[in-house]
């Protein structure tokens, strides 16, 4: 029996299933993509502010030591 037609049909079907079944691709086009990026930006901004405060505290400590 010739099974080449079955392989010809299975290849495109598997490709479609793999494209839509990939977990990493869902967030790119879904509703959560923008809010996730916004949360990441807010987290980075908070970390930056904390580092700035630590930097100012260290500068203050250095000034008090050298005085």
PDB file of N, CA and C in Angstrom:
ATOM      1  N   UNK A   1       0.844  -1.185   0.000  1.00  0.00           N
ATOM      2  CA  UNK A   1       0.000   0.000   0.000  1.00  0.00           C
ATOM      3  C   UNK A   1       0.890   1.251   0.000  1.00  0.00           C
ATOM      4  N   UNK A   2       0.492   2.260  -0.731  1.00  0.00           N
ATOM      5  CA  UNK A   2       1.271   3.487  -0.863  1.00  0.00           C
ATOM      6  C   UNK A   2       0.859   4.479   0.234  1.00  0.00           C
ATOM      7  N   UNK A   3       1.794   4.800   1.148  1.00  0.00           N
ATOM      8  CA  UNK A   3       1.504   5.689   2.278  1.00  0.00           C
ATOM      9  C   UNK A   3       2.024   7.106   2.056  1.00  0.00           C
ATOM     10  N   UNK A   4       2.516   7.414   0.889  1.00  0.00           N
ATOM     11  CA  UNK A   4       3.090   8.743   0.638  1.00  0.00           C
ATOM     12  C   UNK A   4       2.042   9.842   0.745  1.00  0.00           C
ATOM     13  N   UNK A   5       0.794   9.569   0.396  1.00  0.00           N
ATOM     14  CA  UNK A   5      -0.260  10.582   0.512  1.00  0.00           C
ATOM     15  C   UNK A   5      -0.522  10.930   1.972  1.00  0.00           C
ATOM     16  N   UNK A   6      -0.385   9.938   2.857  1.00  0.00           N
ATOM     17  CA  UNK A   6      -0.591  10.182   4.277  1.00  0.00           C
ATOM     18  C   UNK A   6       0.506  11.098   4.826  1.00  0.00           C
ATOM     19  N   UNK A   7       1.721  10.865   4.449  1.00  0.00           N
ATOM     20  CA  UNK A   7       2.841  11.722   4.877  1.00  0.00           C
ATOM     21  C   UNK A   7       2.671  13.129   4.324  1.00  0.00           C
ATOM     22  N   UNK A   8       2.194  13.232   3.105  1.00  0.00           N
ATOM     23  CA  UNK A   8       1.962  14.538   2.484  1.00  0.00           C
ATOM     24  C   UNK A   8       0.912  15.326   3.247  1.00  0.00           C
ATOM     25  N   UNK A   9      -0.094  14.683   3.776  1.00  0.00           N
ATOM     26  CA  UNK A   9      -1.137  15.362   4.538  1.00  0.00           C
ATOM     27  C   UNK A   9      -0.711  15.650   5.980  1.00  0.00           C
ATOM     28  N   UNK A  10       0.076  14.761   6.562  1.00  0.00           N
ATOM     29  CA  UNK A  10       0.466  14.913   7.963  1.00  0.00           C
ATOM     30  C   UNK A  10       1.433  16.084   8.158  1.00  0.00           C
ATOM     31  N   UNK A  11       2.333  16.302   7.238  1.00  0.00           N
ATOM     32  CA  UNK A  11       3.335  17.365   7.401  1.00  0.00           C
ATOM     33  C   UNK A  11       2.707  18.751   7.600  1.00  0.00           C
ATOM     34  N   UNK A  12       1.799  19.204   6.733  1.00  0.00           N
ATOM     35  CA  UNK A  12       1.203  20.531   6.957  1.00  0.00           C
ATOM     36  C   UNK A  12       0.358  20.596   8.225  1.00  0.00           C
ATOM     37  N   UNK A  13      -0.343  19.498   8.522  1.00  0.00           N
ATOM     38  CA  UNK A  13      -1.160  19.488   9.737  1.00  0.00           C
ATOM     39  C   UNK A  13      -0.294  19.600  10.992  1.00  0.00           C
ATOM     40  N   UNK A  14       0.816  18.901  11.024  1.00  0.00           N
ATOM     41  CA  UNK A  14       1.721  18.973  12.174  1.00  0.00           C
ATOM     42  C   UNK A  14       2.322  20.373  12.301  1.00  0.00           C
ATOM     43  N   UNK A  15       2.632  20.989  11.171  1.00  0.00           N
ATOM     44  CA  UNK A  15       3.199  22.325  11.198  1.00  0.00           C
ATOM     45  C   UNK A  15       2.196  23.322  11.783  1.00  0.00           C
ATOM     46  N   UNK A  16       0.937  23.212  11.394  1.00  0.00           N
ATOM     47  CA  UNK A  16      -0.104  24.099  11.929  1.00  0.00           C
ATOM     48  C   UNK A  16      -0.270  23.874  13.426  1.00  0.00           C
ATOM     49  N   UNK A  17      -0.311  22.617  13.849  1.00  0.00           N
ATOM     50  CA  UNK A  17      -0.455  22.316  15.275  1.00  0.00           C
ATOM     51  C   UNK A  17       0.720  22.850  16.082  1.00  0.00           C
ATOM     52  N   UNK A  18       1.920  22.734  15.544  1.00  0.00           N
ATOM     53  CA  UNK A  18       3.094  23.228  16.266  1.00  0.00           C
ATOM     54  C   UNK A  18       3.088  24.755  16.361  1.00  0.00           C
ATOM     55  N   UNK A  19       2.655  25.428  15.302  1.00  0.00           N
ATOM     56  CA  UNK A  19       2.651  26.897  15.317  1.00  0.00           C
ATOM     57  C   UNK A  19       1.679  27.438  16.353  1.00  0.00           C
ATOM     58  N   UNK A  20       0.474  26.862  16.405  1.00  0.00           N
ATOM     59  CA  UNK A  20      -0.524  27.370  17.335  1.00  0.00           C
ATOM     60  C   UNK A  20      -0.405  26.760  18.718  1.00  0.00           C
ATOM     61  N   UNK A  21       0.348  25.704  18.851  1.00  0.00           N
ATOM     62  CA  UNK A  21       0.495  25.051  20.141  1.00  0.00           C
ATOM     63  C   UNK A  21       1.701  25.501  20.929  1.00  0.00           C
ATOM     64  N   UNK A  22       2.544  26.361  20.344  1.00  0.00           N
ATOM     65  CA  UNK A  22       3.749  26.792  21.060  1.00  0.00           C
ATOM     66  C   UNK A  22       3.363  27.722  22.203  1.00  0.00           C
ATOM     67  N   UNK A  23       3.762  27.401  23.443  1.00  0.00           N
ATOM     68  CA  UNK A  23       3.372  28.224  24.590  1.00  0.00           C
ATOM     69  C   UNK A  23       3.978  29.621  24.552  1.00  0.00           C
ATOM     70  N   UNK A  24       5.153  29.798  24.005  1.00  0.00           N
ATOM     71  CA  UNK A  24       5.786  31.106  23.986  1.00  0.00           C
ATOM     72  C   UNK A  24       5.132  32.087  23.047  1.00  0.00           C
ATOM     73  N   UNK A  25       4.431  31.611  22.058  1.00  0.00           N
ATOM     74  CA  UNK A  25       3.833  32.481  21.058  1.00  0.00           C
ATOM     75  C   UNK A  25       2.496  33.057  21.516  1.00  0.00           C
ATOM     76  N   UNK A  26       1.855  32.451  22.485  1.00  0.00           N
ATOM     77  CA  UNK A  26       0.532  32.916  22.909  1.00  0.00           C
ATOM     78  C   UNK A  26       0.581  34.292  23.540  1.00  0.00           C
ATOM     79  N   UNK A  27       1.599  34.583  24.315  1.00  0.00           N
ATOM     80  CA  UNK A  27       1.674  35.878  24.986  1.00  0.00           C
ATOM     81  C   UNK A  27       1.962  37.030  24.056  1.00  0.00           C
ATOM     82  N   UNK A  28       2.505  36.740  22.884  1.00  0.00           N
ATOM     83  CA  UNK A  28       2.870  37.800  21.974  1.00  0.00           C
ATOM     84  C   UNK A  28       1.645  38.457  21.344  1.00  0.00           C
ATOM     85  N   UNK A  29       0.575  37.674  21.121  1.00  0.00           N
ATOM     86  CA  UNK A  29      -0.586  38.208  20.438  1.00  0.00           C
ATOM     87  C   UNK A  29      -1.800  38.292  21.347  1.00  0.00           C
ATOM     88  N   UNK A  30      -1.666  37.851  22.586  1.00  0.00           N
ATOM     89  CA  UNK A  30      -2.802  37.848  23.501  1.00  0.00           C
ATOM     90  C   UNK A  30      -2.974  39.189  24.194  1.00  0.00           C
ATOM     91  N   UNK A  31      -3.937  39.224  25.097  1.00  0.00           N
ATOM     92  CA  UNK A  31      -4.226  40.462  25.816  1.00  0.00           C
ATOM     93  C   UNK A  31      -3.212  40.757  26.909  1.00  0.00           C
ATOM     94  N   UNK A  32      -2.495  39.745  27.395  1.00  0.00           N
ATOM     95  CA  UNK A  32      -1.585  39.920  28.519  1.00  0.00           C
ATOM     96  C   UNK A  32      -0.233  40.492  28.144  1.00  0.00           C
ATOM     97  N   UNK A  33       0.086  40.608  26.879  1.00  0.00           N
ATOM     98  CA  UNK A  33       1.411  41.055  26.464  1.00  0.00           C
ATOM     99  C   UNK A  33       1.726  42.471  26.909  1.00  0.00           C
ATOM    100  N   UNK A  34       0.809  43.405  26.700  1.00  0.00           N
ATOM    101  CA  UNK A  34       1.053  44.806  27.046  1.00  0.00           C
ATOM    102  C   UNK A  34       1.108  45.000  28.554  1.00  0.00           C
ATOM    103  N   UNK A  35       0.183  44.384  29.283  1.00  0.00           N
ATOM    104  CA  UNK A  35       0.168  44.565  30.734  1.00  0.00           C
ATOM    105  C   UNK A  35       1.398  43.942  31.374  1.00  0.00           C
ATOM    106  N   UNK A  36       1.887  42.849  30.813  1.00  0.00           N
ATOM    107  CA  UNK A  36       3.095  42.215  31.339  1.00  0.00           C
ATOM    108  C   UNK A  36       4.296  43.126  31.126  1.00  0.00           C
ATOM    109  N   UNK A  37       4.386  43.755  29.956  1.00  0.00           N
ATOM    110  CA  UNK A  37       5.486  44.671  29.694  1.00  0.00           C
ATOM    111  C   UNK A  37       5.408  45.874  30.621  1.00  0.00           C
ATOM    112  N   UNK A  38       4.194  46.365  30.860  1.00  0.00           N
ATOM    113  CA  UNK A  38       4.010  47.504  31.751  1.00  0.00           C
ATOM    114  C   UNK A  38       4.443  47.135  33.167  1.00  0.00           C
ATOM    115  N   UNK A  39       4.108  45.942  33.614  1.00  0.00           N
ATOM    116  CA  UNK A  39       4.513  45.493  34.952  1.00  0.00           C
ATOM    117  C   UNK A  39       6.032  45.372  35.037  1.00  0.00           C
ATOM    118  N   UNK A  40       6.667  44.886  33.966  1.00  0.00           N
ATOM    119  CA  UNK A  40       8.128  44.782  33.950  1.00  0.00           C
ATOM    120  C   UNK A  40       8.772  46.160  34.026  1.00  0.00           C
ATOM    121  N   UNK A  41       8.210  47.120  33.303  1.00  0.00           N
ATOM    122  CA  UNK A  41       8.750  48.481  33.320  1.00  0.00           C
ATOM    123  C   UNK A  41       8.598  49.088  34.712  1.00  0.00           C
ATOM    124  N   UNK A  42       7.447  48.875  35.328  1.00  0.00           N
ATOM    125  CA  UNK A  42       7.228  49.409  36.681  1.00  0.00           C
ATOM    126  C   UNK A  42       8.184  48.769  37.680  1.00  0.00           C
ATOM    127  N   UNK A  43       8.428  47.477  37.550  1.00  0.00           N
ATOM    128  CA  UNK A  43       9.357  46.790  38.453  1.00  0.00           C
ATOM    129  C   UNK A  43      10.767  47.332  38.274  1.00  0.00           C
ATOM    130  N   UNK A  44      11.190  47.515  37.028  1.00  0.00           N
ATOM    131  CA  UNK A  44      12.523  48.063  36.772  1.00  0.00           C
ATOM    132  C   UNK A  44      12.646  49.493  37.293  1.00  0.00           C
ATOM    133  N   UNK A  45      11.587  50.282  37.152  1.00  0.00           N
ATOM    134  CA  UNK A  45      11.605  51.652  37.656  1.00  0.00           C
ATOM    135  C   UNK A  45      11.731  51.657  39.172  1.00  0.00           C
ATOM    136  N   UNK A  46      11.042  50.753  39.842  1.00  0.00           N
ATOM    137  CA  UNK A  46      11.133  50.646  41.297  1.00  0.00           C
ATOM    138  C   UNK A  46      12.544  50.241  41.722  1.00  0.00           C
ATOM    139  N   UNK A  47      13.135  49.286  41.025  1.00  0.00           N
ATOM    140  CA  UNK A  47      14.498  48.867  41.345  1.00  0.00           C
ATOM    141  C   UNK A  47      15.486  50.007  41.118  1.00  0.00           C
ATOM    142  N   UNK A  48      15.286  50.781  40.059  1.00  0.00           N
ATOM    143  CA  UNK A  48      16.150  51.923  39.783  1.00  0.00           C
ATOM    144  C   UNK A  48      16.048  52.951  40.903  1.00  0.00           C
ATOM    145  N   UNK A  49      14.832  53.222  41.357  1.00  0.00           N
ATOM    146  CA  UNK A  49      14.652  54.178  42.455  1.00  0.00           C
ATOM    147  C   UNK A  49      15.324  53.696  43.738  1.00  0.00           C
ATOM    148  N   UNK A  50      15.234  52.391  44.009  1.00  0.00           N
ATOM    149  CA  UNK A  50      15.892  51.840  45.191  1.00  0.00           C
ATOM    150  C   UNK A  50      17.408  51.970  45.082  1.00  0.00           C
ATOM    151  N   UNK A  51      17.946  51.715  43.901  1.00  0.00           N
ATOM    152  CA  UNK A  51      19.388  51.859  43.701  1.00  0.00           C
ATOM    153  C   UNK A  51      19.833  53.310  43.845  1.00  0.00           C
ATOM    154  N   UNK A  52      19.019  54.235  43.375  1.00  0.00           N
ATOM    155  CA  UNK A  52      19.345  55.651  43.540  1.00  0.00           C
ATOM    156  C   UNK A  52      19.385  56.027  45.020  1.00  0.00           C
ATOM    157  N   UNK A  53      18.423  55.509  45.789  1.00  0.00           N
ATOM    158  CA  UNK A  53      18.422  55.781  47.232  1.00  0.00           C
ATOM    159  C   UNK A  53      19.652  55.187  47.909  1.00  0.00           C
ATOM    160  N   UNK A  54      20.015  53.976  47.529  1.00  0.00           N
ATOM    161  CA  UNK A  54      21.212  53.350  48.090  1.00  0.00           C
ATOM    162  C   UNK A  54      22.462  54.142  47.716  1.00  0.00           C
ATOM    163  N   UNK A  55      22.508  54.635  46.504  1.00  0.00           N
ATOM    164  CA  UNK A  55      23.641  55.426  46.044  1.00  0.00           C
ATOM    165  C   UNK A  55      23.766  56.711  46.863  1.00  0.00           C
ATOM    166  N   UNK A  56      22.673  57.379  47.081  1.00  0.00           N
ATOM    167  CA  UNK A  56      22.698  58.606  47.888  1.00  0.00           C
ATOM    168  C   UNK A  56      23.110  58.311  49.330  1.00  0.00           C
ATOM    169  N   UNK A  57      22.632  57.193  49.870  1.00  0.00           N
ATOM    170  CA  UNK A  57      23.010  56.818  51.234  1.00  0.00           C
ATOM    171  C   UNK A  57      24.503  56.544  51.315  1.00  0.00           C
ATOM    172  N   UNK A  58      25.052  55.849  50.326  1.00  0.00           N
ATOM    173  CA  UNK A  58      26.489  55.571  50.326  1.00  0.00           C
ATOM    174  C   UNK A  58      27.297  56.861  50.159  1.00  0.00           C
ATOM    175  N   UNK A  59      26.824  57.772  49.331  1.00  0.00           N
ATOM    176  CA  UNK A  59      27.521  59.053  49.184  1.00  0.00           C
ATOM    177  C   UNK A  59      27.518  59.825  50.497  1.00  0.00           C
ATOM    178  N   UNK A  60      26.388  59.771  51.177  1.00  0.00           N
ATOM    179  CA  UNK A  60      26.291  60.439  52.472  1.00  0.00           C
ATOM    180  C   UNK A  60      27.239  59.799  53.486  1.00  0.00           C
ATOM    181  N   UNK A  61      27.313  58.492  53.497  1.00  0.00           N
ATOM    182  CA  UNK A  61      28.212  57.784  54.397  1.00  0.00           C
ATOM    183  C   UNK A  61      29.669  58.139  54.088  1.00  0.00           C
ATOM    184  N   UNK A  62      30.022  58.204  52.817  1.00  0.00           N
ATOM    185  CA  UNK A  62      31.394  58.543  52.425  1.00  0.00           C
ATOM    186  C   UNK A  62      31.741  59.973  52.860  1.00  0.00           C
ATOM    187  N   UNK A  63      30.784  60.895  52.671  1.00  0.00           N
ATOM    188  CA  UNK A  63      31.038  62.287  53.099  1.00  0.00           C
ATOM    189  C   UNK A  63      31.248  62.371  54.602  1.00  0.00           C
ATOM    190  N   UNK A  64      30.457  61.605  55.361  1.00  0.00           N
ATOM    191  CA  UNK A  64      30.595  61.653  56.817  1.00  0.00           C
ATOM    192  C   UNK A  64      31.902  61.023  57.266  1.00  0.00           C
ATOM    193  N   UNK A  65      32.364  59.998  56.570  1.00  0.00           N
ATOM    194  CA  UNK A  65      33.635  59.359  56.916  1.00  0.00           C
ATOM    195  C   UNK A  65      34.808  60.258  56.600  1.00  0.00           C
ATOM    196  N   UNK A  66      34.783  60.917  55.454  1.00  0.00           N
ATOM    197  CA  UNK A  66      35.917  61.742  55.035  1.00  0.00           C
ATOM    198  C   UNK A  66      35.959  63.094  55.756  1.00  0.00           C
ATOM    199  N   UNK A  67      34.855  63.471  56.373  1.00  0.00           N
ATOM    200  CA  UNK A  67      34.838  64.766  57.082  1.00  0.00           C
ATOM    201  C   UNK A  67      35.476  64.679  58.443  1.00  0.00           C
TER     202      UNK A  67
END
